[in-house]
């Protein structure tokens, strides 16, 4: 079981770090630039750019936007891999051998996805770094103003809130695609359809869960 869990951590988390870092960097940069371009009143302080970047990245973009991307990348991988095993009767073979197929196929993925908050922590850091680079080197803000905005009215609970969301999103990303892959019927064409359906439902659950958790934890 340990080797299975480590294999899933490598494929689901470590294998996704590249796309997470790439997306987070540019999202942070875009938020920084758009905030700067919308500050037309000279009375509004420039440190608002750093403040807006920090709030946007930590509260929403890092946990939620990245989870939607992961639902497409990781979710479709989980559905197609388990679905292909179902179509080729490998799951039936596991059952005949006396192996608990759900425990063997799904449980390691759920445990591996509990490492997901570490990826989101990196996304938060890289997103804010991207905002700083875009703001400072784009000439929209000085480094001192941006860093002052980052430190302005910082509420540590917002980071806790983001990680609570992230853990629940991780469980959704691991379980909903697994369900669609494990219980699918048909042939190779249905594997593709199941992957699409799994992505749609995972995204829907994440968005609704995001709304409920925000109301519960911040409301």
Protein backbone atom coordinates (compact mmCIF):
# COMPACT_ATOMS: atom_id res chain seq x y z
CA UNK A 1 0.00 0.00 0.00
CA UNK A 2 2.85 2.38 0.83
CA UNK A 3 4.39 2.01 -2.63
CA UNK A 4 0.96 2.60 -4.22
CA UNK A 5 0.44 5.81 -2.20
CA UNK A 6 3.93 7.11 -3.06
CA UNK A 7 3.31 6.33 -6.76
CA UNK A 8 0.03 8.28 -6.67
CA UNK A 9 1.68 11.24 -4.87
CA UNK A 10 4.29 11.31 -7.63
CA UNK A 11 1.71 11.18 -10.43
CA UNK A 12 -1.09 13.33 -8.97
CA UNK A 13 0.78 15.99 -6.95
CA UNK A 14 4.41 16.13 -8.05
CA UNK A 15 3.46 15.67 -11.70
CA UNK A 16 1.06 18.62 -11.49
CA UNK A 17 3.44 21.14 -9.89
CA UNK A 18 4.63 22.43 -13.27
CA UNK A 19 1.20 23.50 -14.50
CA UNK A 20 0.24 24.82 -11.03
CA UNK A 21 3.34 27.04 -10.84
CA UNK A 22 2.92 28.24 -14.45
CA UNK A 23 -0.76 29.19 -14.00
CA UNK A 24 -0.26 30.78 -10.55
CA UNK A 25 2.62 32.97 -11.70
CA UNK A 26 0.70 34.51 -14.58
CA UNK A 27 -2.60 34.79 -12.68
CA UNK A 28 -0.79 36.79 -9.97
CA UNK A 29 0.78 38.98 -12.63
CA UNK A 30 -2.54 39.63 -14.36
CA UNK A 31 -4.30 40.54 -11.07
CA UNK A 32 -1.48 42.96 -10.24
CA UNK A 33 -1.57 44.66 -13.66
CA UNK A 34 -5.37 44.91 -13.80
CA UNK A 35 -5.53 46.40 -10.29
CA UNK A 36 -2.83 48.93 -11.20
CA UNK A 37 -4.58 49.94 -14.44
CA UNK A 38 -7.88 50.47 -12.61
CA UNK A 39 -6.39 52.84 -10.03
CA UNK A 40 -7.10 56.14 -11.81
CA UNK A 41 -7.68 58.30 -8.73
CA UNK A 42 -4.38 59.75 -7.41
CA UNK A 43 -5.81 59.67 -3.86
CA UNK A 44 -5.86 55.84 -3.86
CA UNK A 45 -2.52 54.55 -2.49
CA UNK A 46 -0.35 52.39 -4.73
CA UNK A 47 -0.01 49.76 -2.00
CA UNK A 48 -3.52 48.67 -2.95
CA UNK A 49 -1.91 46.70 -5.81
CA UNK A 50 -0.05 44.43 -3.40
CA UNK A 51 -3.08 44.19 -1.12
CA UNK A 52 -5.45 43.19 -3.96
CA UNK A 53 -2.96 40.65 -5.33
CA UNK A 54 -2.51 39.02 -1.92
CA UNK A 55 -6.24 38.80 -1.20
CA UNK A 56 -7.16 37.53 -4.67
CA UNK A 57 -4.43 34.88 -4.81
CA UNK A 58 -4.76 33.57 -1.24
CA UNK A 59 -8.57 33.59 -0.98
CA UNK A 60 -9.67 32.52 -4.44
CA UNK A 61 -7.20 32.01 -7.26
CA UNK A 62 -4.74 29.63 -5.52
CA UNK A 63 -7.29 27.27 -3.89
CA UNK A 64 -10.30 27.42 -6.24
CA UNK A 65 -8.99 28.27 -9.72
CA UNK A 66 -6.12 25.79 -9.37
CA UNK A 67 -8.56 23.10 -8.17
CA UNK A 68 -10.67 23.55 -11.33
CA UNK A 69 -7.52 23.06 -13.43
CA UNK A 70 -6.60 20.01 -11.32
CA UNK A 71 -10.11 18.61 -11.80
CA UNK A 72 -9.34 18.58 -15.54
CA UNK A 73 -5.79 17.25 -15.32
CA UNK A 74 -5.91 14.87 -12.35
CA UNK A 75 -9.63 14.07 -12.50
CA UNK A 76 -9.58 12.96 -16.14
CA UNK A 77 -6.45 10.88 -15.46
CA UNK A 78 -8.13 9.10 -12.51
CA UNK A 79 -11.36 8.44 -14.44
CA UNK A 80 -9.63 7.20 -17.59
CA UNK A 81 -7.15 4.96 -15.71
CA UNK A 82 -9.81 3.30 -13.54
CA UNK A 83 -12.34 3.27 -16.41
CA UNK A 84 -9.87 1.52 -18.71
CA UNK A 85 -9.29 -1.11 -16.02
CA UNK A 86 -13.07 -1.60 -15.79
CA UNK A 87 -13.45 -1.92 -19.58
CA UNK A 88 -10.56 -4.40 -19.89
CA UNK A 89 -11.95 -6.43 -16.95
CA UNK A 90 -8.82 -5.89 -14.81
CA UNK A 91 -11.03 -4.85 -11.87
CA UNK A 92 -12.97 -8.12 -12.22
CA UNK A 93 -9.65 -9.99 -12.18
CA UNK A 94 -8.66 -8.20 -8.94
CA UNK A 95 -11.98 -9.23 -7.37
CA UNK A 96 -11.43 -12.86 -8.45
CA UNK A 97 -7.94 -12.77 -6.87
CA UNK A 98 -9.55 -11.72 -3.59
CA UNK A 99 -8.17 -8.14 -3.72
CA UNK A 100 -10.46 -5.33 -2.52
CA UNK A 101 -10.44 -3.35 -5.79
CA UNK A 102 -11.89 -0.13 -4.28
CA UNK A 103 -9.26 -0.15 -1.55
CA UNK A 104 -6.50 -0.97 -4.05
CA UNK A 105 -7.45 1.63 -6.69
CA UNK A 106 -9.19 4.52 -4.90
CA UNK A 107 -7.78 4.66 -1.36
CA UNK A 108 -4.16 5.48 -2.42
CA UNK A 109 -5.48 8.35 -4.58
CA UNK A 110 -7.45 9.83 -1.66
CA UNK A 111 -4.40 9.65 0.64
CA UNK A 112 -2.15 11.09 -2.08
CA UNK A 113 -4.50 14.04 -2.63
CA UNK A 114 -4.16 14.96 1.07
CA UNK A 115 -0.73 16.30 0.00
CA UNK A 116 -2.56 18.78 -2.25
CA UNK A 117 -2.41 21.71 0.28
CA UNK A 118 1.38 21.72 -0.12
CA UNK A 119 0.92 22.34 -3.85
CA UNK A 120 -1.54 25.16 -3.09
CA UNK A 121 0.94 26.73 -0.65
CA UNK A 122 3.46 26.85 -3.52
CA UNK A 123 0.73 28.30 -5.77
CA UNK A 124 0.08 31.10 -3.25
CA UNK A 125 3.77 31.98 -3.02
CA UNK A 126 4.33 31.87 -6.80
CA UNK A 127 1.13 33.87 -7.48
CA UNK A 128 2.19 36.69 -5.16
CA UNK A 129 5.72 36.56 -6.60
CA UNK A 130 4.24 36.86 -10.10
CA UNK A 131 2.21 39.88 -8.95
CA UNK A 132 5.32 41.51 -7.47
CA UNK A 133 7.37 40.95 -10.65
CA UNK A 134 4.56 42.26 -12.90
CA UNK A 135 3.90 45.28 -10.67
CA UNK A 136 7.52 46.30 -10.03
CA UNK A 137 9.15 45.48 -13.38
CA UNK A 138 6.07 46.70 -15.27
CA UNK A 139 6.48 50.10 -13.63
CA UNK A 140 3.06 50.02 -11.97
CA UNK A 141 4.31 50.05 -8.37
CA UNK A 142 7.51 50.35 -6.37
CA UNK A 143 8.72 47.27 -4.51
CA UNK A 144 8.25 49.03 -1.15
CA UNK A 145 4.62 49.94 -1.94
CA UNK A 146 3.83 46.41 -3.11
CA UNK A 147 5.35 44.77 -0.02
CA UNK A 148 3.55 47.30 2.21
CA UNK A 149 0.29 46.28 0.52
CA UNK A 150 1.12 42.60 1.11
CA UNK A 151 1.48 43.26 4.85
CA UNK A 152 -1.52 45.61 5.11
CA UNK A 153 -4.39 44.28 7.27
CA UNK A 154 -3.19 40.69 6.93
CA UNK A 155 -5.54 38.20 8.58
CA UNK A 156 -3.83 34.81 9.18
CA UNK A 157 -7.23 33.09 9.35
CA UNK A 158 -7.64 33.69 5.59
CA UNK A 159 -4.77 31.26 4.96
CA UNK A 160 -6.39 28.71 7.31
CA UNK A 161 -9.68 29.17 5.42
CA UNK A 162 -7.90 28.54 2.11
CA UNK A 163 -6.29 25.33 3.37
CA UNK A 164 -9.62 24.05 4.78
CA UNK A 165 -11.14 24.62 1.33
CA UNK A 166 -8.16 22.97 -0.34
CA UNK A 167 -8.40 19.75 1.70
CA UNK A 168 -12.11 19.39 0.87
CA UNK A 169 -11.46 20.17 -2.81
CA UNK A 170 -8.72 17.51 -2.79
CA UNK A 171 -11.20 14.90 -1.52
CA UNK A 172 -13.66 15.91 -4.24
CA UNK A 173 -10.96 15.69 -6.95
CA UNK A 174 -10.01 12.20 -5.73
CA UNK A 175 -13.49 10.73 -5.17
CA UNK A 176 -15.84 12.07 -7.89
CA UNK A 177 -13.63 10.99 -10.85
CA UNK A 178 -12.93 7.66 -9.11
CA UNK A 179 -16.68 7.05 -8.83
CA UNK A 180 -17.25 7.80 -12.53
CA UNK A 181 -14.36 5.56 -13.56
CA UNK A 182 -15.15 2.66 -11.24
CA UNK A 183 -18.85 2.39 -12.02
CA UNK A 184 -18.74 3.10 -15.76
CA UNK A 185 -20.08 0.63 -18.31
CA UNK A 186 -19.31 0.22 -21.99
CA UNK A 187 -16.19 0.38 -24.14
CA UNK A 188 -13.37 2.74 -25.03
CA UNK A 189 -15.76 5.49 -26.19
CA UNK A 190 -17.53 5.47 -22.82
CA UNK A 191 -14.17 5.98 -21.06
CA UNK A 192 -13.84 9.34 -22.83
CA UNK A 193 -17.44 10.27 -22.01
CA UNK A 194 -16.92 9.28 -18.37
CA UNK A 195 -13.80 11.50 -18.17
CA UNK A 196 -15.77 14.48 -19.52
CA UNK A 197 -18.70 13.84 -17.18
CA UNK A 198 -16.34 13.46 -14.21
CA UNK A 199 -14.65 16.79 -14.99
CA UNK A 200 -17.99 18.60 -15.28
CA UNK A 201 -19.36 17.18 -12.03
CA UNK A 202 -16.10 17.71 -10.14
CA UNK A 203 -16.08 21.37 -11.24
CA UNK A 204 -19.74 21.82 -10.25
CA UNK A 205 -19.16 20.28 -6.80
CA UNK A 206 -16.04 22.43 -6.26
CA UNK A 207 -17.87 25.66 -7.19
CA UNK A 208 -20.89 24.89 -4.97
CA UNK A 209 -18.65 23.73 -2.10
CA UNK A 210 -16.62 26.94 -2.48
CA UNK A 211 -19.77 29.04 -2.05
CA UNK A 212 -20.97 27.05 0.99
CA UNK A 213 -17.54 27.06 2.70
CA UNK A 214 -17.09 30.80 2.13
CA UNK A 215 -20.49 31.45 3.69
CA UNK A 216 -19.72 29.16 6.65
CA UNK A 217 -16.11 30.12 7.33
CA UNK A 218 -16.06 33.82 6.43
CA UNK A 219 -19.74 34.82 6.68
